């Protein structure tokens, strides 16, 4: 594969990764899935490229940076969703006091999101 083709594929991959992040932020799942498929095709095409020319390494580093930004976005979003689900899944136990003024342990099986009214 000639150098111009490799450079063009690298630039397309970088732009696709950027578009994937923007579509993820906009919650446009259809466009994001199309970006993922396009990214896979580009990566497969680049697998046969062999050694990169030293001048093209800056493009590869830029792709690596963009990919890390996407990974950070997806990882932090996943943790936020997990934390939110954990919060809403916790049991709620109000503090009550006995007739002597000491706090009592009450067992309540309810959850913030229990599925019942």
PDB file of N, CA and C in Angstrom:
ATOM      1  N   UNK A   1       0.852  -1.168   0.000  1.00  0.00           N
ATOM      2  CA  UNK A   1       0.000   0.000   0.000  1.00  0.00           C
ATOM      3  C   UNK A   1       0.903   1.237   0.000  1.00  0.00           C
ATOM      4  N   UNK A   2       0.577   2.173  -0.876  1.00  0.00           N
ATOM      5  CA  UNK A   2       1.433   3.355  -0.975  1.00  0.00           C
ATOM      6  C   UNK A   2       1.155   4.342   0.163  1.00  0.00           C
ATOM      7  N   UNK A   3       2.081   5.245   0.340  1.00  0.00           N
ATOM      8  CA  UNK A   3       2.060   6.159   1.484  1.00  0.00           C
ATOM      9  C   UNK A   3       0.844   7.089   1.464  1.00  0.00           C
ATOM     10  N   UNK A   4       0.465   7.576   0.296  1.00  0.00           N
ATOM     11  CA  UNK A   4      -0.684   8.484   0.188  1.00  0.00           C
ATOM     12  C   UNK A   4      -1.980   7.790   0.611  1.00  0.00           C
ATOM     13  N   UNK A   5      -2.121   6.531   0.234  1.00  0.00           N
ATOM     14  CA  UNK A   5      -3.317   5.767   0.611  1.00  0.00           C
ATOM     15  C   UNK A   5      -3.363   5.564   2.118  1.00  0.00           C
ATOM     16  N   UNK A   6      -2.221   5.227   2.715  1.00  0.00           N
ATOM     17  CA  UNK A   6      -2.150   5.027   4.161  1.00  0.00           C
ATOM     18  C   UNK A   6      -2.490   6.323   4.886  1.00  0.00           C
ATOM     19  N   UNK A   7      -1.924   7.437   4.429  1.00  0.00           N
ATOM     20  CA  UNK A   7      -2.207   8.731   5.055  1.00  0.00           C
ATOM     21  C   UNK A   7      -3.696   9.070   4.945  1.00  0.00           C
ATOM     22  N   UNK A   8      -4.280   8.813   3.775  1.00  0.00           N
ATOM     23  CA  UNK A   8      -5.705   9.083   3.584  1.00  0.00           C
ATOM     24  C   UNK A   8      -6.550   8.209   4.523  1.00  0.00           C
ATOM     25  N   UNK A   9      -6.196   6.946   4.674  1.00  0.00           N
ATOM     26  CA  UNK A   9      -6.921   6.059   5.588  1.00  0.00           C
ATOM     27  C   UNK A   9      -6.770   6.509   7.040  1.00  0.00           C
ATOM     28  N   UNK A  10      -5.581   6.964   7.402  1.00  0.00           N
ATOM     29  CA  UNK A  10      -5.355   7.451   8.765  1.00  0.00           C
ATOM     30  C   UNK A  10      -6.209   8.691   9.051  1.00  0.00           C
ATOM     31  N   UNK A  11      -6.271   9.599   8.098  1.00  0.00           N
ATOM     32  CA  UNK A  11      -7.080  10.807   8.281  1.00  0.00           C
ATOM     33  C   UNK A  11      -8.574  10.467   8.355  1.00  0.00           C
ATOM     34  N   UNK A  12      -9.014   9.516   7.527  1.00  0.00           N
ATOM     35  CA  UNK A  12     -10.408   9.080   7.595  1.00  0.00           C
ATOM     36  C   UNK A  12     -10.720   8.438   8.949  1.00  0.00           C
ATOM     37  N   UNK A  13      -9.771   7.644   9.472  1.00  0.00           N
ATOM     38  CA  UNK A  13      -9.959   7.003  10.768  1.00  0.00           C
ATOM     39  C   UNK A  13     -10.049   8.041  11.876  1.00  0.00           C
ATOM     40  N   UNK A  14      -9.172   9.035  11.836  1.00  0.00           N
ATOM     41  CA  UNK A  14      -9.213  10.104  12.840  1.00  0.00           C
ATOM     42  C   UNK A  14     -10.549  10.846  12.807  1.00  0.00           C
ATOM     43  N   UNK A  15     -11.002  11.184  11.619  1.00  0.00           N
ATOM     44  CA  UNK A  15     -12.271  11.899  11.481  1.00  0.00           C
ATOM     45  C   UNK A  15     -13.456  11.031  11.916  1.00  0.00           C
ATOM     46  N   UNK A  16     -13.382   9.742  11.657  1.00  0.00           N
ATOM     47  CA  UNK A  16     -14.446   8.823  12.064  1.00  0.00           C
ATOM     48  C   UNK A  16     -14.513   8.701  13.579  1.00  0.00           C
ATOM     49  N   UNK A  17     -13.354   8.646  14.229  1.00  0.00           N
ATOM     50  CA  UNK A  17     -13.321   8.565  15.699  1.00  0.00           C
ATOM     51  C   UNK A  17     -13.894   9.846  16.304  1.00  0.00           C
ATOM     52  N   UNK A  18     -13.569  10.982  15.739  1.00  0.00           N
ATOM     53  CA  UNK A  18     -14.132  12.249  16.218  1.00  0.00           C
ATOM     54  C   UNK A  18     -15.649  12.284  16.027  1.00  0.00           C
ATOM     55  N   UNK A  19     -16.101  11.829  14.853  1.00  0.00           N
ATOM     56  CA  UNK A  19     -17.543  11.802  14.584  1.00  0.00           C
ATOM     57  C   UNK A  19     -18.253  10.845  15.537  1.00  0.00           C
ATOM     58  N   UNK A  20     -17.616   9.733  15.847  1.00  0.00           N
ATOM     59  CA  UNK A  20     -18.195   8.770  16.789  1.00  0.00           C
ATOM     60  C   UNK A  20     -18.438   9.419  18.151  1.00  0.00           C
ATOM     61  N   UNK A  21     -17.465  10.193  18.632  1.00  0.00           N
ATOM     62  CA  UNK A  21     -17.608  10.868  19.917  1.00  0.00           C
ATOM     63  C   UNK A  21     -18.731  11.898  19.881  1.00  0.00           C
ATOM     64  N   UNK A  22     -18.805  12.667  18.806  1.00  0.00           N
ATOM     65  CA  UNK A  22     -19.861  13.671  18.699  1.00  0.00           C
ATOM     66  C   UNK A  22     -21.242  13.023  18.623  1.00  0.00           C
ATOM     67  N   UNK A  23     -21.341  11.928  17.903  1.00  0.00           N
ATOM     68  CA  UNK A  23     -22.627  11.232  17.819  1.00  0.00           C
ATOM     69  C   UNK A  23     -22.989  10.600  19.164  1.00  0.00           C
ATOM     70  N   UNK A  24     -21.995  10.132  19.907  1.00  0.00           N
ATOM     71  CA  UNK A  24     -22.265   9.575  21.231  1.00  0.00           C
ATOM     72  C   UNK A  24     -22.768  10.668  22.169  1.00  0.00           C
ATOM     73  N   UNK A  25     -22.148  11.841  22.111  1.00  0.00           N
ATOM     74  CA  UNK A  25     -22.591  12.948  22.968  1.00  0.00           C
ATOM     75  C   UNK A  25     -23.999  13.401  22.613  1.00  0.00           C
ATOM     76  N   UNK A  26     -24.351  13.315  21.332  1.00  0.00           N
ATOM     77  CA  UNK A  26     -25.685  13.709  20.880  1.00  0.00           C
ATOM     78  C   UNK A  26     -26.698  12.575  21.039  1.00  0.00           C
ATOM     79  N   UNK A  27     -26.237  11.422  21.513  1.00  0.00           N
ATOM     80  CA  UNK A  27     -27.073  10.222  21.685  1.00  0.00           C
ATOM     81  C   UNK A  27     -27.702   9.776  20.367  1.00  0.00           C
ATOM     82  N   UNK A  28     -26.989   9.984  19.270  1.00  0.00           N
ATOM     83  CA  UNK A  28     -27.432   9.540  17.952  1.00  0.00           C
ATOM     84  C   UNK A  28     -26.843   8.147  17.713  1.00  0.00           C
ATOM     85  N   UNK A  29     -27.564   7.145  18.197  1.00  0.00           N
ATOM     86  CA  UNK A  29     -27.042   5.782  18.178  1.00  0.00           C
ATOM     87  C   UNK A  29     -26.911   5.226  16.762  1.00  0.00           C
ATOM     88  N   UNK A  30     -27.807   5.585  15.874  1.00  0.00           N
ATOM     89  CA  UNK A  30     -27.733   5.086  14.499  1.00  0.00           C
ATOM     90  C   UNK A  30     -26.452   5.568  13.832  1.00  0.00           C
ATOM     91  N   UNK A  31     -26.170   6.850  13.947  1.00  0.00           N
ATOM     92  CA  UNK A  31     -24.957   7.402  13.338  1.00  0.00           C
ATOM     93  C   UNK A  31     -23.710   6.872  14.034  1.00  0.00           C
ATOM     94  N   UNK A  32     -23.775   6.686  15.353  1.00  0.00           N
ATOM     95  CA  UNK A  32     -22.617   6.167  16.080  1.00  0.00           C
ATOM     96  C   UNK A  32     -22.304   4.732  15.655  1.00  0.00           C
ATOM     97  N   UNK A  33     -23.337   3.912  15.467  1.00  0.00           N
ATOM     98  CA  UNK A  33     -23.109   2.533  15.025  1.00  0.00           C
ATOM     99  C   UNK A  33     -22.535   2.510  13.609  1.00  0.00           C
ATOM    100  N   UNK A  34     -22.962   3.432  12.753  1.00  0.00           N
ATOM    101  CA  UNK A  34     -22.385   3.535  11.410  1.00  0.00           C
ATOM    102  C   UNK A  34     -20.914   3.936  11.493  1.00  0.00           C
ATOM    103  N   UNK A  35     -20.588   4.835  12.428  1.00  0.00           N
ATOM    104  CA  UNK A  35     -19.190   5.227  12.635  1.00  0.00           C
ATOM    105  C   UNK A  35     -18.355   4.042  13.102  1.00  0.00           C
ATOM    106  N   UNK A  36     -18.905   3.239  13.992  1.00  0.00           N
ATOM    107  CA  UNK A  36     -18.176   2.072  14.502  1.00  0.00           C
ATOM    108  C   UNK A  36     -17.880   1.096  13.368  1.00  0.00           C
ATOM    109  N   UNK A  37     -18.871   0.844  12.514  1.00  0.00           N
ATOM    110  CA  UNK A  37     -18.654  -0.066  11.376  1.00  0.00           C
ATOM    111  C   UNK A  37     -17.616   0.499  10.419  1.00  0.00           C
ATOM    112  N   UNK A  38     -17.696   1.797  10.170  1.00  0.00           N
ATOM    113  CA  UNK A  38     -16.722   2.435   9.274  1.00  0.00           C
ATOM    114  C   UNK A  38     -15.321   2.362   9.876  1.00  0.00           C
ATOM    115  N   UNK A  39     -15.233   2.557  11.179  1.00  0.00           N
ATOM    116  CA  UNK A  39     -13.939   2.488  11.869  1.00  0.00           C
ATOM    117  C   UNK A  39     -13.348   1.084  11.742  1.00  0.00           C
ATOM    118  N   UNK A  40     -14.175   0.061  11.903  1.00  0.00           N
ATOM    119  CA  UNK A  40     -13.698  -1.326  11.778  1.00  0.00           C
ATOM    120  C   UNK A  40     -13.166  -1.599  10.378  1.00  0.00           C
ATOM    121  N   UNK A  41     -13.866  -1.100   9.353  1.00  0.00           N
ATOM    122  CA  UNK A  41     -13.414  -1.284   7.970  1.00  0.00           C
ATOM    123  C   UNK A  41     -12.071  -0.589   7.748  1.00  0.00           C
ATOM    124  N   UNK A  42     -11.938   0.623   8.268  1.00  0.00           N
ATOM    125  CA  UNK A  42     -10.686   1.365   8.111  1.00  0.00           C
ATOM    126  C   UNK A  42      -9.528   0.670   8.829  1.00  0.00           C
ATOM    127  N   UNK A  43      -9.790   0.150  10.007  1.00  0.00           N
ATOM    128  CA  UNK A  43      -8.732  -0.549  10.758  1.00  0.00           C
ATOM    129  C   UNK A  43      -8.304  -1.807  10.019  1.00  0.00           C
ATOM    130  N   UNK A  44      -9.274  -2.538   9.454  1.00  0.00           N
ATOM    131  CA  UNK A  44      -8.934  -3.729   8.673  1.00  0.00           C
ATOM    132  C   UNK A  44      -8.077  -3.355   7.458  1.00  0.00           C
ATOM    133  N   UNK A  45      -8.417  -2.244   6.809  1.00  0.00           N
ATOM    134  CA  UNK A  45      -7.638  -1.803   5.655  1.00  0.00           C
ATOM    135  C   UNK A  45      -6.227  -1.401   6.064  1.00  0.00           C
ATOM    136  N   UNK A  46      -6.099  -0.806   7.249  1.00  0.00           N
ATOM    137  CA  UNK A  46      -4.780  -0.363   7.713  1.00  0.00           C
ATOM    138  C   UNK A  46      -3.930  -1.514   8.241  1.00  0.00           C
ATOM    139  N   UNK A  47      -4.546  -2.649   8.556  1.00  0.00           N
ATOM    140  CA  UNK A  47      -3.770  -3.796   9.048  1.00  0.00           C
ATOM    141  C   UNK A  47      -2.746  -4.265   8.021  1.00  0.00           C
ATOM    142  N   UNK A  48      -3.045  -4.123   6.765  1.00  0.00           N
ATOM    143  CA  UNK A  48      -2.118  -4.547   5.723  1.00  0.00           C
ATOM    144  C   UNK A  48      -1.104  -3.499   5.332  1.00  0.00           C
ATOM    145  N   UNK A  49      -1.087  -2.370   6.015  1.00  0.00           N
ATOM    146  CA  UNK A  49      -0.200  -1.270   5.637  1.00  0.00           C
ATOM    147  C   UNK A  49       1.255  -1.536   5.984  1.00  0.00           C
ATOM    148  N   UNK A  50       1.510  -2.328   7.002  1.00  0.00           N
ATOM    149  CA  UNK A  50       2.886  -2.585   7.406  1.00  0.00           C
ATOM    150  C   UNK A  50       3.463  -1.432   8.208  1.00  0.00           C
ATOM    151  N   UNK A  51       4.711  -1.084   7.926  1.00  0.00           N
ATOM    152  CA  UNK A  51       5.423  -0.035   8.655  1.00  0.00           C
ATOM    153  C   UNK A  51       4.949   1.343   8.215  1.00  0.00           C
ATOM    154  N   UNK A  52       4.692   2.205   9.189  1.00  0.00           N
ATOM    155  CA  UNK A  52       4.306   3.582   8.888  1.00  0.00           C
ATOM    156  C   UNK A  52       5.527   4.420   8.543  1.00  0.00           C
ATOM    157  N   UNK A  53       5.331   5.339   7.639  1.00  0.00           N
ATOM    158  CA  UNK A  53       6.379   6.297   7.321  1.00  0.00           C
ATOM    159  C   UNK A  53       6.562   7.216   8.531  1.00  0.00           C
ATOM    160  N   UNK A  54       7.779   7.617   8.861  1.00  0.00           N
ATOM    161  CA  UNK A  54       7.997   8.475  10.039  1.00  0.00           C
ATOM    162  C   UNK A  54       7.172   9.771  10.031  1.00  0.00           C
ATOM    163  N   UNK A  55       6.898  10.314   8.848  1.00  0.00           N
ATOM    164  CA  UNK A  55       6.094  11.538   8.783  1.00  0.00           C
ATOM    165  C   UNK A  55       4.623  11.275   9.116  1.00  0.00           C
ATOM    166  N   UNK A  56       4.173  10.034   8.986  1.00  0.00           N
ATOM    167  CA  UNK A  56       2.779   9.689   9.267  1.00  0.00           C
ATOM    168  C   UNK A  56       2.555   9.296  10.727  1.00  0.00           C
ATOM    169  N   UNK A  57       3.594   9.222  11.493  1.00  0.00           N
ATOM    170  CA  UNK A  57       3.445   8.843  12.898  1.00  0.00           C
ATOM    171  C   UNK A  57       2.642   9.879  13.691  1.00  0.00           C
ATOM    172  N   UNK A  58       2.722  11.140  13.296  1.00  0.00           N
ATOM    173  CA  UNK A  58       1.940  12.175  13.985  1.00  0.00           C
ATOM    174  C   UNK A  58       0.444  11.915  13.823  1.00  0.00           C
ATOM    175  N   UNK A  59       0.048  11.394  12.661  1.00  0.00           N
ATOM    176  CA  UNK A  59      -1.367  11.052  12.461  1.00  0.00           C
ATOM    177  C   UNK A  59      -1.767   9.888  13.365  1.00  0.00           C
ATOM    178  N   UNK A  60      -0.871   8.907  13.484  1.00  0.00           N
ATOM    179  CA  UNK A  60      -1.147   7.759  14.346  1.00  0.00           C
ATOM    180  C   UNK A  60      -1.252   8.197  15.812  1.00  0.00           C
ATOM    181  N   UNK A  61      -0.396   9.107  16.232  1.00  0.00           N
ATOM    182  CA  UNK A  61      -0.469   9.615  17.606  1.00  0.00           C
ATOM    183  C   UNK A  61      -1.746  10.414  17.832  1.00  0.00           C
ATOM    184  N   UNK A  62      -2.168  11.160  16.819  1.00  0.00           N
ATOM    185  CA  UNK A  62      -3.417  11.911  16.916  1.00  0.00           C
ATOM    186  C   UNK A  62      -4.601  10.953  17.031  1.00  0.00           C
ATOM    187  N   UNK A  63      -4.575   9.862  16.265  1.00  0.00           N
ATOM    188  CA  UNK A  63      -5.629   8.839  16.348  1.00  0.00           C
ATOM    189  C   UNK A  63      -5.642   8.216  17.735  1.00  0.00           C
ATOM    190  N   UNK A  64      -4.474   7.942  18.273  1.00  0.00           N
ATOM    191  CA  UNK A  64      -4.387   7.359  19.618  1.00  0.00           C
ATOM    192  C   UNK A  64      -4.985   8.313  20.661  1.00  0.00           C
ATOM    193  N   UNK A  65      -4.693   9.604  20.528  1.00  0.00           N
ATOM    194  CA  UNK A  65      -5.237  10.602  21.454  1.00  0.00           C
ATOM    195  C   UNK A  65      -6.762  10.678  21.354  1.00  0.00           C
ATOM    196  N   UNK A  66      -7.270  10.703  20.136  1.00  0.00           N
ATOM    197  CA  UNK A  66      -8.722  10.761  19.929  1.00  0.00           C
ATOM    198  C   UNK A  66      -9.401   9.501  20.480  1.00  0.00           C
ATOM    199  N   UNK A  67      -8.781   8.365  20.270  1.00  0.00           N
ATOM    200  CA  UNK A  67      -9.340   7.101  20.756  1.00  0.00           C
ATOM    201  C   UNK A  67      -9.362   7.069  22.286  1.00  0.00           C
ATOM    202  N   UNK A  68      -8.336   7.613  22.912  1.00  0.00           N
ATOM    203  CA  UNK A  68      -8.316   7.683  24.379  1.00  0.00           C
ATOM    204  C   UNK A  68      -9.393   8.615  24.904  1.00  0.00           C
ATOM    205  N   UNK A  69      -9.647   9.697  24.201  1.00  0.00           N
ATOM    206  CA  UNK A  69     -10.717  10.606  24.615  1.00  0.00           C
ATOM    207  C   UNK A  69     -12.068   9.899  24.547  1.00  0.00           C
ATOM    208  N   UNK A  70     -12.284   9.122  23.475  1.00  0.00           N
ATOM    209  CA  UNK A  70     -13.531   8.361  23.376  1.00  0.00           C
ATOM    210  C   UNK A  70     -13.623   7.337  24.504  1.00  0.00           C
ATOM    211  N   UNK A  71     -12.523   6.653  24.770  1.00  0.00           N
ATOM    212  CA  UNK A  71     -12.530   5.651  25.847  1.00  0.00           C
ATOM    213  C   UNK A  71     -12.849   6.303  27.184  1.00  0.00           C
ATOM    214  N   UNK A  72     -12.279   7.469  27.443  1.00  0.00           N
ATOM    215  CA  UNK A  72     -12.564   8.181  28.694  1.00  0.00           C
ATOM    216  C   UNK A  72     -14.033   8.570  28.772  1.00  0.00           C
ATOM    217  N   UNK A  73     -14.590   9.069  27.662  1.00  0.00           N
ATOM    218  CA  UNK A  73     -16.003   9.446  27.633  1.00  0.00           C
ATOM    219  C   UNK A  73     -16.888   8.237  27.921  1.00  0.00           C
ATOM    220  N   UNK A  74     -16.622   7.130  27.255  1.00  0.00           N
ATOM    221  CA  UNK A  74     -17.459   5.943  27.433  1.00  0.00           C
ATOM    222  C   UNK A  74     -17.290   5.350  28.833  1.00  0.00           C
ATOM    223  N   UNK A  75     -16.059   5.336  29.342  1.00  0.00           N
ATOM    224  CA  UNK A  75     -15.811   4.776  30.677  1.00  0.00           C
ATOM    225  C   UNK A  75     -16.462   5.632  31.760  1.00  0.00           C
ATOM    226  N   UNK A  76     -16.318   6.955  31.661  1.00  0.00           N
ATOM    227  CA  UNK A  76     -16.901   7.823  32.680  1.00  0.00           C
ATOM    228  C   UNK A  76     -18.426   7.794  32.615  1.00  0.00           C
ATOM    229  N   UNK A  77     -18.985   7.681  31.423  1.00  0.00           N
ATOM    230  CA  UNK A  77     -20.438   7.570  31.292  1.00  0.00           C
ATOM    231  C   UNK A  77     -20.938   6.264  31.904  1.00  0.00           C
ATOM    232  N   UNK A  78     -20.211   5.188  31.663  1.00  0.00           N
ATOM    233  CA  UNK A  78     -20.587   3.899  32.239  1.00  0.00           C
ATOM    234  C   UNK A  78     -20.548   3.951  33.762  1.00  0.00           C
ATOM    235  N   UNK A  79     -19.496   4.537  34.332  1.00  0.00           N
ATOM    236  CA  UNK A  79     -19.401   4.651  35.795  1.00  0.00           C
ATOM    237  C   UNK A  79     -20.512   5.526  36.352  1.00  0.00           C
ATOM    238  N   UNK A  80     -20.851   6.599  35.649  1.00  0.00           N
ATOM    239  CA  UNK A  80     -21.936   7.470  36.099  1.00  0.00           C
ATOM    240  C   UNK A  80     -23.258   6.707  36.117  1.00  0.00           C
ATOM    241  N   UNK A  81     -23.507   5.929  35.066  1.00  0.00           N
ATOM    242  CA  UNK A  81     -24.743   5.138  35.011  1.00  0.00           C
ATOM    243  C   UNK A  81     -24.761   4.090  36.117  1.00  0.00           C
ATOM    244  N   UNK A  82     -23.632   3.419  36.341  1.00  0.00           N
ATOM    245  CA  UNK A  82     -23.567   2.416  37.405  1.00  0.00           C
ATOM    246  C   UNK A  82     -23.793   3.043  38.778  1.00  0.00           C
ATOM    247  N   UNK A  83     -23.194   4.189  39.026  1.00  0.00           N
ATOM    248  CA  UNK A  83     -23.387   4.878  40.307  1.00  0.00           C
ATOM    249  C   UNK A  83     -24.846   5.298  40.487  1.00  0.00           C
ATOM    250  N   UNK A  84     -25.453   5.781  39.424  1.00  0.00           N
ATOM    251  CA  UNK A  84     -26.854   6.185  39.502  1.00  0.00           C
ATOM    252  C   UNK A  84     -27.755   4.994  39.793  1.00  0.00           C
ATOM    253  N   UNK A  85     -27.515   3.888  39.105  1.00  0.00           N
ATOM    254  CA  UNK A  85     -28.325   2.692  39.337  1.00  0.00           C
ATOM    255  C   UNK A  85     -28.098   2.150  40.749  1.00  0.00           C
ATOM    256  N   UNK A  86     -26.875   2.228  41.243  1.00  0.00           N
ATOM    257  CA  UNK A  86     -26.589   1.784  42.610  1.00  0.00           C
ATOM    258  C   UNK A  86     -27.326   2.668  43.617  1.00  0.00           C
ATOM    259  N   UNK A  87     -27.341   3.975  43.371  1.00  0.00           N
ATOM    260  CA  UNK A  87     -28.032   4.888  44.276  1.00  0.00           C
ATOM    261  C   UNK A  87     -29.518   4.573  44.329  1.00  0.00           C
ATOM    262  N   UNK A  88     -30.125   4.405  43.171  1.00  0.00           N
ATOM    263  CA  UNK A  88     -31.563   4.142  43.142  1.00  0.00           C
ATOM    264  C   UNK A  88     -31.903   2.721  43.584  1.00  0.00           C
ATOM    265  N   UNK A  89     -30.922   1.849  43.638  1.00  0.00           N
ATOM    266  CA  UNK A  89     -31.168   0.486  44.077  1.00  0.00           C
ATOM    267  C   UNK A  89     -30.969   0.271  45.557  1.00  0.00           C
ATOM    268  N   UNK A  90     -30.461   1.274  46.266  1.00  0.00           N
ATOM    269  CA  UNK A  90     -30.223   1.137  47.705  1.00  0.00           C
ATOM    270  C   UNK A  90     -31.520   1.049  48.474  1.00  0.00           C
ATOM    271  N   UNK A  91     -31.449   0.352  49.575  1.00  0.00           N
ATOM    272  CA  UNK A  91     -32.608   0.300  50.471  1.00  0.00           C
ATOM    273  C   UNK A  91     -32.652   1.588  51.264  1.00  0.00           C
ATOM    274  N   UNK A  92     -33.846   2.059  51.500  1.00  0.00           N
ATOM    275  CA  UNK A  92     -34.004   3.269  52.287  1.00  0.00           C
ATOM    276  C   UNK A  92     -34.449   2.878  53.688  1.00  0.00           C
ATOM    277  N   UNK A  93     -33.687   3.276  54.665  1.00  0.00           N
ATOM    278  CA  UNK A  93     -33.999   2.963  56.056  1.00  0.00           C
ATOM    279  C   UNK A  93     -34.010   4.269  56.837  1.00  0.00           C
ATOM    280  N   UNK A  94     -35.190   4.739  57.216  1.00  0.00           N
ATOM    281  CA  UNK A  94     -35.225   5.978  57.993  1.00  0.00           C
ATOM    282  C   UNK A  94     -34.773   5.725  59.428  1.00  0.00           C
ATOM    283  N   UNK A  95     -34.221   6.731  60.037  1.00  0.00           N
ATOM    284  CA  UNK A  95     -33.793   6.622  61.430  1.00  0.00           C
ATOM    285  C   UNK A  95     -35.015   6.838  62.314  1.00  0.00           C
ATOM    286  N   UNK A  96     -35.239   5.894  63.202  1.00  0.00           N
ATOM    287  CA  UNK A  96     -36.328   6.038  64.175  1.00  0.00           C
ATOM    288  C   UNK A  96     -35.748   5.874  65.563  1.00  0.00           C
ATOM    289  N   UNK A  97     -36.482   6.357  66.540  1.00  0.00           N
ATOM    290  CA  UNK A  97     -36.002   6.328  67.909  1.00  0.00           C
ATOM    291  C   UNK A  97     -36.982   5.546  68.784  1.00  0.00           C
ATOM    292  N   UNK A  98     -36.404   4.865  69.762  1.00  0.00           N
ATOM    293  CA  UNK A  98     -37.236   4.113  70.696  1.00  0.00           C
ATOM    294  C   UNK A  98     -37.826   5.081  71.729  1.00  0.00           C
ATOM    295  N   UNK A  99     -38.637   4.526  72.609  1.00  0.00           N
ATOM    296  CA  UNK A  99     -39.252   5.363  73.638  1.00  0.00           C
ATOM    297  C   UNK A  99     -38.226   5.909  74.622  1.00  0.00           C
ATOM    298  N   UNK A 100     -37.001   5.329  74.591  1.00  0.00           N
ATOM    299  CA  UNK A 100     -35.948   5.790  75.491  1.00  0.00           C
ATOM    300  C   UNK A 100     -34.980   6.763  74.817  1.00  0.00           C
ATOM    301  N   UNK A 101     -35.251   7.110  73.565  1.00  0.00           N
ATOM    302  CA  UNK A 101     -34.427   8.089  72.874  1.00  0.00           C
ATOM    303  C   UNK A 101     -33.241   7.497  72.132  1.00  0.00           C
ATOM    304  N   UNK A 102     -33.147   6.194  72.094  1.00  0.00           N
ATOM    305  CA  UNK A 102     -32.053   5.559  71.337  1.00  0.00           C
ATOM    306  C   UNK A 102     -32.530   5.240  69.922  1.00  0.00           C
ATOM    307  N   UNK A 103     -31.600   5.293  68.975  1.00  0.00           N
ATOM    308  CA  UNK A 103     -31.989   4.977  67.592  1.00  0.00           C
ATOM    309  C   UNK A 103     -32.236   3.481  67.455  1.00  0.00           C
ATOM    310  N   UNK A 104     -33.198   3.141  66.590  1.00  0.00           N
ATOM    311  CA  UNK A 104     -33.578   1.756  66.370  1.00  0.00           C
ATOM    312  C   UNK A 104     -33.277   1.371  64.938  1.00  0.00           C
ATOM    313  N   UNK A 105     -32.959   0.110  64.740  1.00  0.00           N
ATOM    314  CA  UNK A 105     -32.783  -0.418  63.390  1.00  0.00           C
ATOM    315  C   UNK A 105     -34.124  -0.921  62.889  1.00  0.00           C
ATOM    316  N   UNK A 106     -34.595  -0.345  61.839  1.00  0.00           N
ATOM    317  CA  UNK A 106     -35.825  -0.806  61.206  1.00  0.00           C
ATOM    318  C   UNK A 106     -35.459  -1.532  59.924  1.00  0.00           C
ATOM    319  N   UNK A 107     -36.128  -2.580  59.654  1.00  0.00           N
ATOM    320  CA  UNK A 107     -35.890  -3.285  58.397  1.00  0.00           C
ATOM    321  C   UNK A 107     -37.000  -2.926  57.429  1.00  0.00           C
ATOM    322  N   UNK A 108     -36.593  -2.374  56.331  1.00  0.00           N
ATOM    323  CA  UNK A 108     -37.521  -2.001  55.276  1.00  0.00           C
ATOM    324  C   UNK A 108     -37.002  -2.657  54.000  1.00  0.00           C
ATOM    325  N   UNK A 109     -37.859  -3.328  53.325  1.00  0.00           N
ATOM    326  CA  UNK A 109     -37.446  -4.014  52.103  1.00  0.00           C
ATOM    327  C   UNK A 109     -37.605  -3.150  50.864  1.00  0.00           C
ATOM    328  N   UNK A 110     -38.073  -1.932  51.045  1.00  0.00           N
ATOM    329  CA  UNK A 110     -38.298  -1.060  49.887  1.00  0.00           C
ATOM    330  C   UNK A 110     -37.003  -0.522  49.308  1.00  0.00           C
ATOM    331  N   UNK A 111     -37.064  -0.188  48.058  1.00  0.00           N
ATOM    332  CA  UNK A 111     -35.949   0.448  47.381  1.00  0.00           C
ATOM    333  C   UNK A 111     -36.481   1.704  46.738  1.00  0.00           C
ATOM    334  N   UNK A 112     -35.604   2.591  46.374  1.00  0.00           N
ATOM    335  CA  UNK A 112     -36.069   3.802  45.701  1.00  0.00           C
ATOM    336  C   UNK A 112     -36.744   3.457  44.369  1.00  0.00           C
ATOM    337  N   UNK A 113     -36.200   2.472  43.672  1.00  0.00           N
ATOM    338  CA  UNK A 113     -36.821   1.994  42.444  1.00  0.00           C
ATOM    339  C   UNK A 113     -37.171   0.520  42.645  1.00  0.00           C
ATOM    340  N   UNK A 114     -38.321   0.250  43.177  1.00  0.00           N
ATOM    341  CA  UNK A 114     -38.683  -1.121  43.460  1.00  0.00           C
ATOM    342  C   UNK A 114     -39.602  -1.705  42.402  1.00  0.00           C
ATOM    343  N   UNK A 115     -40.159  -0.889  41.553  1.00  0.00           N
ATOM    344  CA  UNK A 115     -41.073  -1.364  40.543  1.00  0.00           C
ATOM    345  C   UNK A 115     -42.500  -1.433  41.013  1.00  0.00           C
ATOM    346  N   UNK A 116     -42.745  -1.045  42.262  1.00  0.00           N
ATOM    347  CA  UNK A 116     -44.113  -1.059  42.783  1.00  0.00           C
ATOM    348  C   UNK A 116     -44.485   0.329  43.269  1.00  0.00           C
ATOM    349  N   UNK A 117     -45.756   0.543  43.384  1.00  0.00           N
ATOM    350  CA  UNK A 117     -46.246   1.862  43.808  1.00  0.00           C
ATOM    351  C   UNK A 117     -46.581   1.826  45.275  1.00  0.00           C
TER     352      UNK A 117
END
